[in-house]
Amino acid sequence: MALTDFEFHQLVDEIFQTIDNALEVLIDEQDADIDVDGSGNVLQLEFNGSSTIVMNKQEPLHEIWLATQFGGYHFAYVDGKWMDERNGNEFMPFVIESIFKQSGYKLDI
């Protein structure tokens, strides 16, 4: 069953908010050098003023696109999970791993 645009935005907004909340805890508890900028359909994370991860909603495709220093990834909602069908990664564990690889910060979600 395909997602409606409303359902897509609701699901992605929840994920982006979960990530933002976890980053705020990390910033508060560890004084982490992370700049979080969420505007429109984009959530951008900058670590230590040098490394960036960008997540954005691709509404026409109902995908979340993720850009890291290691490459770009496209996640679609499949069987209740956001999956990168090209390589089999699930979105949230992959984001947590990418943040750790780029910044050394361990996100607790």
PDB file of N, CA and C in Angstrom:
ATOM      1  N   MET A   1       0.836  -1.179   0.000  1.00  0.00           N
ATOM      2  CA  MET A   1       0.000   0.000   0.000  1.00  0.00           C
ATOM      3  C   MET A   1       0.884   1.247   0.000  1.00  0.00           C
ATOM      4  N   ALA A   2       0.642   2.133  -0.907  1.00  0.00           N
ATOM      5  CA  ALA A   2       1.444   3.347  -1.033  1.00  0.00           C
ATOM      6  C   ALA A   2       1.051   4.364   0.032  1.00  0.00           C
ATOM      7  N   LEU A   3       2.035   5.136   0.458  1.00  0.00           N
ATOM      8  CA  LEU A   3       1.794   6.208   1.420  1.00  0.00           C
ATOM      9  C   LEU A   3       1.123   7.390   0.742  1.00  0.00           C
ATOM     10  N   THR A   4       0.242   8.063   1.474  1.00  0.00           N
ATOM     11  CA  THR A   4      -0.250   9.346   0.995  1.00  0.00           C
ATOM     12  C   THR A   4       0.832  10.390   1.288  1.00  0.00           C
ATOM     13  N   ASP A   5       0.734  11.551   0.657  1.00  0.00           N
ATOM     14  CA  ASP A   5       1.689  12.619   0.952  1.00  0.00           C
ATOM     15  C   ASP A   5       1.644  12.983   2.430  1.00  0.00           C
ATOM     16  N   PHE A   6       0.447  13.040   3.008  1.00  0.00           N
ATOM     17  CA  PHE A   6       0.300  13.373   4.426  1.00  0.00           C
ATOM     18  C   PHE A   6       1.021  12.350   5.296  1.00  0.00           C
ATOM     19  N   GLU A   7       0.796  11.067   5.031  1.00  0.00           N
ATOM     20  CA  GLU A   7       1.448  10.008   5.808  1.00  0.00           C
ATOM     21  C   GLU A   7       2.964  10.076   5.666  1.00  0.00           C
ATOM     22  N   PHE A   8       3.434  10.304   4.445  1.00  0.00           N
ATOM     23  CA  PHE A   8       4.867  10.430   4.198  1.00  0.00           C
ATOM     24  C   PHE A   8       5.464  11.541   5.060  1.00  0.00           C
ATOM     25  N   HIS A   9       4.870  12.731   5.000  1.00  0.00           N
ATOM     26  CA  HIS A   9       5.402  13.860   5.774  1.00  0.00           C
ATOM     27  C   HIS A   9       5.330  13.598   7.272  1.00  0.00           C
ATOM     28  N   GLN A  10       4.261  12.993   7.713  1.00  0.00           N
ATOM     29  CA  GLN A  10       4.118  12.687   9.137  1.00  0.00           C
ATOM     30  C   GLN A  10       5.218  11.724   9.605  1.00  0.00           C
ATOM     31  N   LEU A  11       5.463  10.671   8.855  1.00  0.00           N
ATOM     32  CA  LEU A  11       6.494   9.692   9.215  1.00  0.00           C
ATOM     33  C   LEU A  11       7.893  10.308   9.209  1.00  0.00           C
ATOM     34  N   VAL A  12       8.204  11.079   8.165  1.00  0.00           N
ATOM     35  CA  VAL A  12       9.538  11.676   8.077  1.00  0.00           C
ATOM     36  C   VAL A  12       9.724  12.747   9.135  1.00  0.00           C
ATOM     37  N   ASP A  13       8.694  13.548   9.387  1.00  0.00           N
ATOM     38  CA  ASP A  13       8.790  14.566  10.438  1.00  0.00           C
ATOM     39  C   ASP A  13       9.074  13.924  11.794  1.00  0.00           C
ATOM     40  N   GLU A  14       8.445  12.787  12.071  1.00  0.00           N
ATOM     41  CA  GLU A  14       8.692  12.069  13.330  1.00  0.00           C
ATOM     42  C   GLU A  14      10.145  11.604  13.417  1.00  0.00           C
ATOM     43  N   ILE A  15      10.672  11.075  12.328  1.00  0.00           N
ATOM     44  CA  ILE A  15      12.067  10.614  12.316  1.00  0.00           C
ATOM     45  C   ILE A  15      13.023  11.783  12.504  1.00  0.00           C
ATOM     46  N   PHE A  16      12.802  12.865  11.765  1.00  0.00           N
ATOM     47  CA  PHE A  16      13.664  14.040  11.888  1.00  0.00           C
ATOM     48  C   PHE A  16      13.609  14.591  13.314  1.00  0.00           C
ATOM     49  N   GLN A  17      12.414  14.610  13.922  1.00  0.00           N
ATOM     50  CA  GLN A  17      12.276  15.113  15.291  1.00  0.00           C
ATOM     51  C   GLN A  17      12.996  14.200  16.279  1.00  0.00           C
ATOM     52  N   THR A  18      12.917  12.900  16.088  1.00  0.00           N
ATOM     53  CA  THR A  18      13.625  11.940  16.941  1.00  0.00           C
ATOM     54  C   THR A  18      15.129  12.176  16.877  1.00  0.00           C
ATOM     55  N   ILE A  19      15.646  12.371  15.668  1.00  0.00           N
ATOM     56  CA  ILE A  19      17.077  12.635  15.494  1.00  0.00           C
ATOM     57  C   ILE A  19      17.454  13.956  16.155  1.00  0.00           C
ATOM     58  N   ASP A  20      16.659  14.990  15.917  1.00  0.00           N
ATOM     59  CA  ASP A  20      16.916  16.311  16.507  1.00  0.00           C
ATOM     60  C   ASP A  20      16.916  16.243  18.029  1.00  0.00           C
ATOM     61  N   ASN A  21      15.946  15.556  18.610  1.00  0.00           N
ATOM     62  CA  ASN A  21      15.874  15.427  20.069  1.00  0.00           C
ATOM     63  C   ASN A  21      17.103  14.712  20.626  1.00  0.00           C
ATOM     64  N   ALA A  22      17.520  13.629  19.975  1.00  0.00           N
ATOM     65  CA  ALA A  22      18.697  12.873  20.431  1.00  0.00           C
ATOM     66  C   ALA A  22      19.962  13.723  20.315  1.00  0.00           C
ATOM     67  N   LEU A  23      20.063  14.514  19.260  1.00  0.00           N
ATOM     68  CA  LEU A  23      21.227  15.392  19.100  1.00  0.00           C
ATOM     69  C   LEU A  23      21.250  16.475  20.165  1.00  0.00           C
ATOM     70  N   GLU A  24      20.080  17.027  20.506  1.00  0.00           N
ATOM     71  CA  GLU A  24      20.015  18.053  21.559  1.00  0.00           C
ATOM     72  C   GLU A  24      20.501  17.488  22.893  1.00  0.00           C
ATOM     73  N   VAL A  25      20.134  16.250  23.208  1.00  0.00           N
ATOM     74  CA  VAL A  25      20.608  15.603  24.432  1.00  0.00           C
ATOM     75  C   VAL A  25      22.122  15.456  24.385  1.00  0.00           C
ATOM     76  N   LEU A  26      22.635  15.023  23.259  1.00  0.00           N
ATOM     77  CA  LEU A  26      24.080  14.859  23.078  1.00  0.00           C
ATOM     78  C   LEU A  26      24.810  16.197  23.247  1.00  0.00           C
ATOM     79  N   ILE A  27      24.261  17.231  22.663  1.00  0.00           N
ATOM     80  CA  ILE A  27      24.860  18.566  22.764  1.00  0.00           C
ATOM     81  C   ILE A  27      24.856  19.033  24.221  1.00  0.00           C
ATOM     82  N   ASP A  28      23.731  18.844  24.913  1.00  0.00           N
ATOM     83  CA  ASP A  28      23.614  19.279  26.304  1.00  0.00           C
ATOM     84  C   ASP A  28      24.499  18.477  27.245  1.00  0.00           C
ATOM     85  N   GLU A  29      24.512  17.150  27.076  1.00  0.00           N
ATOM     86  CA  GLU A  29      25.227  16.289  28.017  1.00  0.00           C
ATOM     87  C   GLU A  29      26.726  16.216  27.758  1.00  0.00           C
ATOM     88  N   GLN A  30      27.136  16.307  26.496  1.00  0.00           N
ATOM     89  CA  GLN A  30      28.556  16.145  26.174  1.00  0.00           C
ATOM     90  C   GLN A  30      29.178  17.407  25.583  1.00  0.00           C
ATOM     91  N   ASP A  31      28.408  18.487  25.558  1.00  0.00           N
ATOM     92  CA  ASP A  31      28.875  19.726  24.939  1.00  0.00           C
ATOM     93  C   ASP A  31      29.414  19.444  23.531  1.00  0.00           C
ATOM     94  N   ALA A  32      28.687  18.600  22.810  1.00  0.00           N
ATOM     95  CA  ALA A  32      29.095  18.194  21.464  1.00  0.00           C
ATOM     96  C   ALA A  32      29.034  19.381  20.512  1.00  0.00           C
ATOM     97  N   ASP A  33      30.008  19.463  19.627  1.00  0.00           N
ATOM     98  CA  ASP A  33      30.084  20.532  18.634  1.00  0.00           C
ATOM     99  C   ASP A  33      29.291  20.117  17.394  1.00  0.00           C
ATOM    100  N   ILE A  34      27.956  20.257  17.498  1.00  0.00           N
ATOM    101  CA  ILE A  34      27.057  19.868  16.419  1.00  0.00           C
ATOM    102  C   ILE A  34      26.100  21.025  16.161  1.00  0.00           C
ATOM    103  N   ASP A  35      26.027  21.432  14.912  1.00  0.00           N
ATOM    104  CA  ASP A  35      25.075  22.461  14.507  1.00  0.00           C
ATOM    105  C   ASP A  35      23.947  21.775  13.763  1.00  0.00           C
ATOM    106  N   VAL A  36      22.728  21.904  14.275  1.00  0.00           N
ATOM    107  CA  VAL A  36      21.562  21.263  13.681  1.00  0.00           C
ATOM    108  C   VAL A  36      20.700  22.344  13.034  1.00  0.00           C
ATOM    109  N   ASP A  37      20.413  22.179  11.744  1.00  0.00           N
ATOM    110  CA  ASP A  37      19.592  23.141  11.027  1.00  0.00           C
ATOM    111  C   ASP A  37      18.478  22.399  10.306  1.00  0.00           C
ATOM    112  N   GLY A  38      17.273  22.575  10.809  1.00  0.00           N
ATOM    113  CA  GLY A  38      16.118  21.968  10.162  1.00  0.00           C
ATOM    114  C   GLY A  38      15.248  23.056   9.563  1.00  0.00           C
ATOM    115  N   SER A  39      15.118  23.029   8.256  1.00  0.00           N
ATOM    116  CA  SER A  39      14.254  24.008   7.608  1.00  0.00           C
ATOM    117  C   SER A  39      13.625  23.382   6.373  1.00  0.00           C
ATOM    118  N   GLY A  40      12.334  23.613   6.244  1.00  0.00           N
ATOM    119  CA  GLY A  40      11.627  23.035   5.103  1.00  0.00           C
ATOM    120  C   GLY A  40      11.697  21.525   5.126  1.00  0.00           C
ATOM    121  N   ASN A  41      12.154  20.956   4.049  1.00  0.00           N
ATOM    122  CA  ASN A  41      12.226  19.500   3.915  1.00  0.00           C
ATOM    123  C   ASN A  41      13.615  18.959   4.189  1.00  0.00           C
ATOM    124  N   VAL A  42      14.482  19.773   4.818  1.00  0.00           N
ATOM    125  CA  VAL A  42      15.884  19.398   5.003  1.00  0.00           C
ATOM    126  C   VAL A  42      16.268  19.430   6.472  1.00  0.00           C
ATOM    127  N   LEU A  43      17.045  18.430   6.893  1.00  0.00           N
ATOM    128  CA  LEU A  43      17.691  18.421   8.203  1.00  0.00           C
ATOM    129  C   LEU A  43      19.181  18.291   7.949  1.00  0.00           C
ATOM    130  N   GLN A  44      19.922  19.335   8.326  1.00  0.00           N
ATOM    131  CA  GLN A  44      21.366  19.354   8.085  1.00  0.00           C
ATOM    132  C   GLN A  44      22.106  19.341   9.409  1.00  0.00           C
ATOM    133  N   LEU A  45      23.104  18.467   9.501  1.00  0.00           N
ATOM    134  CA  LEU A  45      23.931  18.334  10.694  1.00  0.00           C
ATOM    135  C   LEU A  45      25.362  18.666  10.325  1.00  0.00           C
ATOM    136  N   GLU A  46      25.978  19.578  11.073  1.00  0.00           N
ATOM    137  CA  GLU A  46      27.380  19.911  10.842  1.00  0.00           C
ATOM    138  C   GLU A  46      28.151  19.592  12.117  1.00  0.00           C
ATOM    139  N   PHE A  47      29.217  18.825  11.961  1.00  0.00           N
ATOM    140  CA  PHE A  47      30.008  18.359  13.094  1.00  0.00           C
ATOM    141  C   PHE A  47      31.360  19.058  13.123  1.00  0.00           C
ATOM    142  N   ASN A  48      31.695  19.617  14.266  1.00  0.00           N
ATOM    143  CA  ASN A  48      33.004  20.238  14.477  1.00  0.00           C
ATOM    144  C   ASN A  48      33.353  21.253  13.390  1.00  0.00           C
ATOM    145  N   GLY A  49      32.331  21.859  12.812  1.00  0.00           N
ATOM    146  CA  GLY A  49      32.546  22.879  11.799  1.00  0.00           C
ATOM    147  C   GLY A  49      33.122  22.386  10.485  1.00  0.00           C
ATOM    148  N   SER A  50      33.154  21.055  10.280  1.00  0.00           N
ATOM    149  CA  SER A  50      33.822  20.580   9.067  1.00  0.00           C
ATOM    150  C   SER A  50      33.095  19.465   8.323  1.00  0.00           C
ATOM    151  N   SER A  51      32.387  18.616   8.998  1.00  0.00           N
ATOM    152  CA  SER A  51      31.768  17.451   8.378  1.00  0.00           C
ATOM    153  C   SER A  51      30.250  17.611   8.421  1.00  0.00           C
ATOM    154  N   THR A  52      29.580  17.312   7.311  1.00  0.00           N
ATOM    155  CA  THR A  52      28.136  17.547   7.213  1.00  0.00           C
ATOM    156  C   THR A  52      27.392  16.292   6.757  1.00  0.00           C
ATOM    157  N   ILE A  53      26.216  16.105   7.339  1.00  0.00           N
ATOM    158  CA  ILE A  53      25.257  15.106   6.888  1.00  0.00           C
ATOM    159  C   ILE A  53      23.971  15.859   6.572  1.00  0.00           C
ATOM    160  N   VAL A  54      23.397  15.564   5.414  1.00  0.00           N
ATOM    161  CA  VAL A  54      22.159  16.214   5.008  1.00  0.00           C
ATOM    162  C   VAL A  54      21.101  15.150   4.740  1.00  0.00           C
ATOM    163  N   MET A  55      19.925  15.339   5.349  1.00  0.00           N
ATOM    164  CA  MET A  55      18.778  14.465   5.113  1.00  0.00           C
ATOM    165  C   MET A  55      17.681  15.324   4.514  1.00  0.00           C
ATOM    166  N   ASN A  56      17.039  14.826   3.478  1.00  0.00           N
ATOM    167  CA  ASN A  56      15.925  15.599   2.948  1.00  0.00           C
ATOM    168  C   ASN A  56      14.806  14.710   2.442  1.00  0.00           C
ATOM    169  N   LYS A  57      13.615  15.291   2.496  1.00  0.00           N
ATOM    170  CA  LYS A  57      12.423  14.609   2.022  1.00  0.00           C
ATOM    171  C   LYS A  57      12.346  14.753   0.507  1.00  0.00           C
ATOM    172  N   GLN A  58      12.090  13.666  -0.153  1.00  0.00           N
ATOM    173  CA  GLN A  58      11.823  13.679  -1.585  1.00  0.00           C
ATOM    174  C   GLN A  58      10.358  13.282  -1.758  1.00  0.00           C
ATOM    175  N   GLU A  59       9.484  14.289  -1.636  1.00  0.00           N
ATOM    176  CA  GLU A  59       8.046  14.024  -1.648  1.00  0.00           C
ATOM    177  C   GLU A  59       7.562  13.316  -2.909  1.00  0.00           C
ATOM    178  N   PRO A  60       7.989  13.722  -4.103  1.00  0.00           N
ATOM    179  CA  PRO A  60       7.459  13.045  -5.295  1.00  0.00           C
ATOM    180  C   PRO A  60       7.735  11.537  -5.300  1.00  0.00           C
ATOM    181  N   LEU A  61       8.855  11.142  -4.702  1.00  0.00           N
ATOM    182  CA  LEU A  61       9.223   9.719  -4.678  1.00  0.00           C
ATOM    183  C   LEU A  61       8.878   9.042  -3.354  1.00  0.00           C
ATOM    184  N   HIS A  62       8.452   9.842  -2.364  1.00  0.00           N
ATOM    185  CA  HIS A  62       8.197   9.346  -1.013  1.00  0.00           C
ATOM    186  C   HIS A  62       9.439   8.640  -0.462  1.00  0.00           C
ATOM    187  N   GLU A  63      10.575   9.319  -0.586  1.00  0.00           N
ATOM    188  CA  GLU A  63      11.846   8.796  -0.091  1.00  0.00           C
ATOM    189  C   GLU A  63      12.517   9.813   0.819  1.00  0.00           C
ATOM    190  N   ILE A  64      13.411   9.308   1.654  1.00  0.00           N
ATOM    191  CA  ILE A  64      14.330  10.156   2.410  1.00  0.00           C
ATOM    192  C   ILE A  64      15.690   9.994   1.748  1.00  0.00           C
ATOM    193  N   TRP A  65      16.289  11.109   1.370  1.00  0.00           N
ATOM    194  CA  TRP A  65      17.629  11.071   0.792  1.00  0.00           C
ATOM    195  C   TRP A  65      18.616  11.499   1.854  1.00  0.00           C
ATOM    196  N   LEU A  66      19.716  10.778   1.935  1.00  0.00           N
ATOM    197  CA  LEU A  66      20.747  11.015   2.933  1.00  0.00           C
ATOM    198  C   LEU A  66      22.079  11.204   2.226  1.00  0.00           C
ATOM    199  N   ALA A  67      22.731  12.315   2.524  1.00  0.00           N
ATOM    200  CA  ALA A  67      24.053  12.584   1.955  1.00  0.00           C
ATOM    201  C   ALA A  67      25.060  12.622   3.095  1.00  0.00           C
ATOM    202  N   THR A  68      26.076  11.759   3.006  1.00  0.00           N
ATOM    203  CA  THR A  68      27.153  11.720   3.983  1.00  0.00           C
ATOM    204  C   THR A  68      28.463  11.953   3.234  1.00  0.00           C
ATOM    205  N   GLN A  69      29.550  12.039   3.967  1.00  0.00           N
ATOM    206  CA  GLN A  69      30.834  12.198   3.279  1.00  0.00           C
ATOM    207  C   GLN A  69      31.234  10.917   2.551  1.00  0.00           C
ATOM    208  N   PHE A  70      30.510   9.835   2.783  1.00  0.00           N
ATOM    209  CA  PHE A  70      30.813   8.553   2.153  1.00  0.00           C
ATOM    210  C   PHE A  70      29.938   8.262   0.937  1.00  0.00           C
ATOM    211  N   GLY A  71      28.885   9.075   0.728  1.00  0.00           N
ATOM    212  CA  GLY A  71      28.027   8.845  -0.422  1.00  0.00           C
ATOM    213  C   GLY A  71      26.601   9.285  -0.172  1.00  0.00           C
ATOM    214  N   GLY A  72      25.763   9.068  -1.182  1.00  0.00           N
ATOM    215  CA  GLY A  72      24.356   9.412  -1.109  1.00  0.00           C
ATOM    216  C   GLY A  72      23.501   8.152  -1.095  1.00  0.00           C
ATOM    217  N   TYR A  73      22.405   8.212  -0.354  1.00  0.00           N
ATOM    218  CA  TYR A  73      21.555   7.042  -0.154  1.00  0.00           C
ATOM    219  C   TYR A  73      20.091   7.448  -0.242  1.00  0.00           C
ATOM    220  N   HIS A  74      19.256   6.548  -0.743  1.00  0.00           N
ATOM    221  CA  HIS A  74      17.826   6.805  -0.898  1.00  0.00           C
ATOM    222  C   HIS A  74      17.062   5.738  -0.112  1.00  0.00           C
ATOM    223  N   PHE A  75      16.217   6.192   0.800  1.00  0.00           N
ATOM    224  CA  PHE A  75      15.464   5.275   1.654  1.00  0.00           C
ATOM    225  C   PHE A  75      13.971   5.381   1.349  1.00  0.00           C
ATOM    226  N   ALA A  76      13.352   4.236   1.097  1.00  0.00           N
ATOM    227  CA  ALA A  76      11.917   4.150   0.826  1.00  0.00           C
ATOM    228  C   ALA A  76      11.246   3.390   1.971  1.00  0.00           C
ATOM    229  N   TYR A  77       9.974   3.677   2.194  1.00  0.00           N
ATOM    230  CA  TYR A  77       9.219   3.030   3.266  1.00  0.00           C
ATOM    231  C   TYR A  77       8.725   1.676   2.774  1.00  0.00           C
ATOM    232  N   VAL A  78       9.299   0.608   3.336  1.00  0.00           N
ATOM    233  CA  VAL A  78       8.991  -0.751   2.900  1.00  0.00           C
ATOM    234  C   VAL A  78       8.654  -1.590   4.127  1.00  0.00           C
ATOM    235  N   ASP A  79       7.455  -2.139   4.141  1.00  0.00           N
ATOM    236  CA  ASP A  79       7.027  -3.020   5.243  1.00  0.00           C
ATOM    237  C   ASP A  79       7.251  -2.387   6.616  1.00  0.00           C
ATOM    238  N   GLY A  80       6.913  -1.107   6.740  1.00  0.00           N
ATOM    239  CA  GLY A  80       6.989  -0.432   8.032  1.00  0.00           C
ATOM    240  C   GLY A  80       8.363   0.064   8.424  1.00  0.00           C
ATOM    241  N   LYS A  81       9.338   0.002   7.502  1.00  0.00           N
ATOM    242  CA  LYS A  81      10.702   0.458   7.791  1.00  0.00           C
ATOM    243  C   LYS A  81      11.209   1.300   6.631  1.00  0.00           C
ATOM    244  N   TRP A  82      12.091   2.254   6.952  1.00  0.00           N
ATOM    245  CA  TRP A  82      12.767   3.032   5.906  1.00  0.00           C
ATOM    246  C   TRP A  82      14.023   2.275   5.510  1.00  0.00           C
ATOM    247  N   MET A  83      14.029   1.780   4.266  1.00  0.00           N
ATOM    248  CA  MET A  83      15.114   0.922   3.794  1.00  0.00           C
ATOM    249  C   MET A  83      15.755   1.488   2.534  1.00  0.00           C
ATOM    250  N   ASP A  84      17.072   1.326   2.445  1.00  0.00           N
ATOM    251  CA  ASP A  84      17.789   1.624   1.206  1.00  0.00           C
ATOM    252  C   ASP A  84      17.797   0.321   0.414  1.00  0.00           C
ATOM    253  N   GLU A  85      16.950   0.255  -0.593  1.00  0.00           N
ATOM    254  CA  GLU A  85      16.796  -0.998  -1.332  1.00  0.00           C
ATOM    255  C   GLU A  85      18.043  -1.366  -2.121  1.00  0.00           C
ATOM    256  N   ARG A  86      18.908  -0.400  -2.368  1.00  0.00           N
ATOM    257  CA  ARG A  86      20.129  -0.670  -3.124  1.00  0.00           C
ATOM    258  C   ARG A  86      21.118  -1.499  -2.305  1.00  0.00           C
ATOM    259  N   ASN A  87      21.207  -1.206  -0.999  1.00  0.00           N
ATOM    260  CA  ASN A  87      22.203  -1.923  -0.191  1.00  0.00           C
ATOM    261  C   ASN A  87      21.635  -2.574   1.064  1.00  0.00           C
ATOM    262  N   GLY A  88      20.328  -2.474   1.282  1.00  0.00           N
ATOM    263  CA  GLY A  88      19.695  -3.173   2.390  1.00  0.00           C
ATOM    264  C   GLY A  88      19.824  -2.516   3.750  1.00  0.00           C
ATOM    265  N   ASN A  89      20.341  -1.292   3.816  1.00  0.00           N
ATOM    266  CA  ASN A  89      20.471  -0.603   5.101  1.00  0.00           C
ATOM    267  C   ASN A  89      19.140  -0.048   5.566  1.00  0.00           C
ATOM    268  N   GLU A  90      18.900  -0.155   6.879  1.00  0.00           N
ATOM    269  CA  GLU A  90      17.745   0.494   7.479  1.00  0.00           C
ATOM    270  C   GLU A  90      18.159   1.901   7.906  1.00  0.00           C
ATOM    271  N   PHE A  91      17.277   2.875   7.716  1.00  0.00           N
ATOM    272  CA  PHE A  91      17.610   4.287   7.878  1.00  0.00           C
ATOM    273  C   PHE A  91      18.223   4.640   9.234  1.00  0.00           C
ATOM    274  N   MET A  92      17.509   4.411  10.330  1.00  0.00           N
ATOM    275  CA  MET A  92      17.979   4.914  11.623  1.00  0.00           C
ATOM    276  C   MET A  92      19.316   4.303  12.041  1.00  0.00           C
ATOM    277  N   PRO A  93      19.506   2.983  11.988  1.00  0.00           N
ATOM    278  CA  PRO A  93      20.831   2.454  12.325  1.00  0.00           C
ATOM    279  C   PRO A  93      21.933   3.012  11.418  1.00  0.00           C
ATOM    280  N   PHE A  94      21.605   3.226  10.140  1.00  0.00           N
ATOM    281  CA  PHE A  94      22.596   3.760   9.210  1.00  0.00           C
ATOM    282  C   PHE A  94      22.942   5.207   9.559  1.00  0.00           C
ATOM    283  N   VAL A  95      21.941   5.997   9.936  1.00  0.00           N
ATOM    284  CA  VAL A  95      22.191   7.385  10.348  1.00  0.00           C
ATOM    285  C   VAL A  95      23.070   7.414  11.594  1.00  0.00           C
ATOM    286  N   ILE A  96      22.761   6.588  12.564  1.00  0.00           N
ATOM    287  CA  ILE A  96      23.544   6.534  13.809  1.00  0.00           C
ATOM    288  C   ILE A  96      24.998   6.173  13.494  1.00  0.00           C
ATOM    289  N   GLU A  97      25.193   5.181  12.630  1.00  0.00           N
ATOM    290  CA  GLU A  97      26.541   4.765  12.233  1.00  0.00           C
ATOM    291  C   GLU A  97      27.262   5.879  11.466  1.00  0.00           C
ATOM    292  N   SER A  98      26.551   6.550  10.578  1.00  0.00           N
ATOM    293  CA  SER A  98      27.149   7.631   9.788  1.00  0.00           C
ATOM    294  C   SER A  98      27.573   8.796  10.679  1.00  0.00           C
ATOM    295  N   ILE A  99      26.728   9.144  11.647  1.00  0.00           N
ATOM    296  CA  ILE A  99      27.079  10.220  12.581  1.00  0.00           C
ATOM    297  C   ILE A  99      28.338   9.842  13.356  1.00  0.00           C
ATOM    298  N   PHE A 100      28.407   8.604  13.812  1.00  0.00           N
ATOM    299  CA  PHE A 100      29.588   8.163  14.556  1.00  0.00           C
ATOM    300  C   PHE A 100      30.845   8.199  13.691  1.00  0.00           C
ATOM    301  N   LYS A 101      30.740   7.701  12.460  1.00  0.00           N
ATOM    302  CA  LYS A 101      31.897   7.679  11.562  1.00  0.00           C
ATOM    303  C   LYS A 101      32.405   9.085  11.253  1.00  0.00           C
ATOM    304  N   GLN A 102      31.471  10.040  11.093  1.00  0.00           N
ATOM    305  CA  GLN A 102      31.870  11.385  10.695  1.00  0.00           C
ATOM    306  C   GLN A 102      32.254  12.280  11.867  1.00  0.00           C
ATOM    307  N   SER A 103      31.775  11.966  13.060  1.00  0.00           N
ATOM    308  CA  SER A 103      31.985  12.897  14.165  1.00  0.00           C
ATOM    309  C   SER A 103      32.587  12.269  15.414  1.00  0.00           C
ATOM    310  N   GLY A 104      32.454  10.950  15.541  1.00  0.00           N
ATOM    311  CA  GLY A 104      32.889  10.289  16.769  1.00  0.00           C
ATOM    312  C   GLY A 104      31.835  10.328  17.865  1.00  0.00           C
ATOM    313  N   TYR A 105      30.683  10.967  17.600  1.00  0.00           N
ATOM    314  CA  TYR A 105      29.602  11.053  18.573  1.00  0.00           C
ATOM    315  C   TYR A 105      28.657   9.869  18.411  1.00  0.00           C
ATOM    316  N   LYS A 106      28.298   9.253  19.542  1.00  0.00           N
ATOM    317  CA  LYS A 106      27.384   8.111  19.549  1.00  0.00           C
ATOM    318  C   LYS A 106      25.996   8.604  19.896  1.00  0.00           C
ATOM    319  N   LEU A 107      25.106   8.558  18.925  1.00  0.00           N
ATOM    320  CA  LEU A 107      23.741   8.991  19.111  1.00  0.00           C
ATOM    321  C   LEU A 107      22.958   7.879  19.777  1.00  0.00           C
ATOM    322  N   ASP A 108      22.191   8.204  20.811  1.00  0.00           N
ATOM    323  CA  ASP A 108      21.414   7.217  21.559  1.00  0.00           C
ATOM    324  C   ASP A 108      19.941   7.356  21.210  1.00  0.00           C
ATOM    325  N   ILE A 109      19.492   6.486  20.298  1.00  0.00           N
ATOM    326  CA  ILE A 109      18.075   6.504  19.902  1.00  0.00           C
ATOM    327  C   ILE A 109      17.505   5.121  20.158  1.00  0.00           C
TER     328      ILE A 109
END
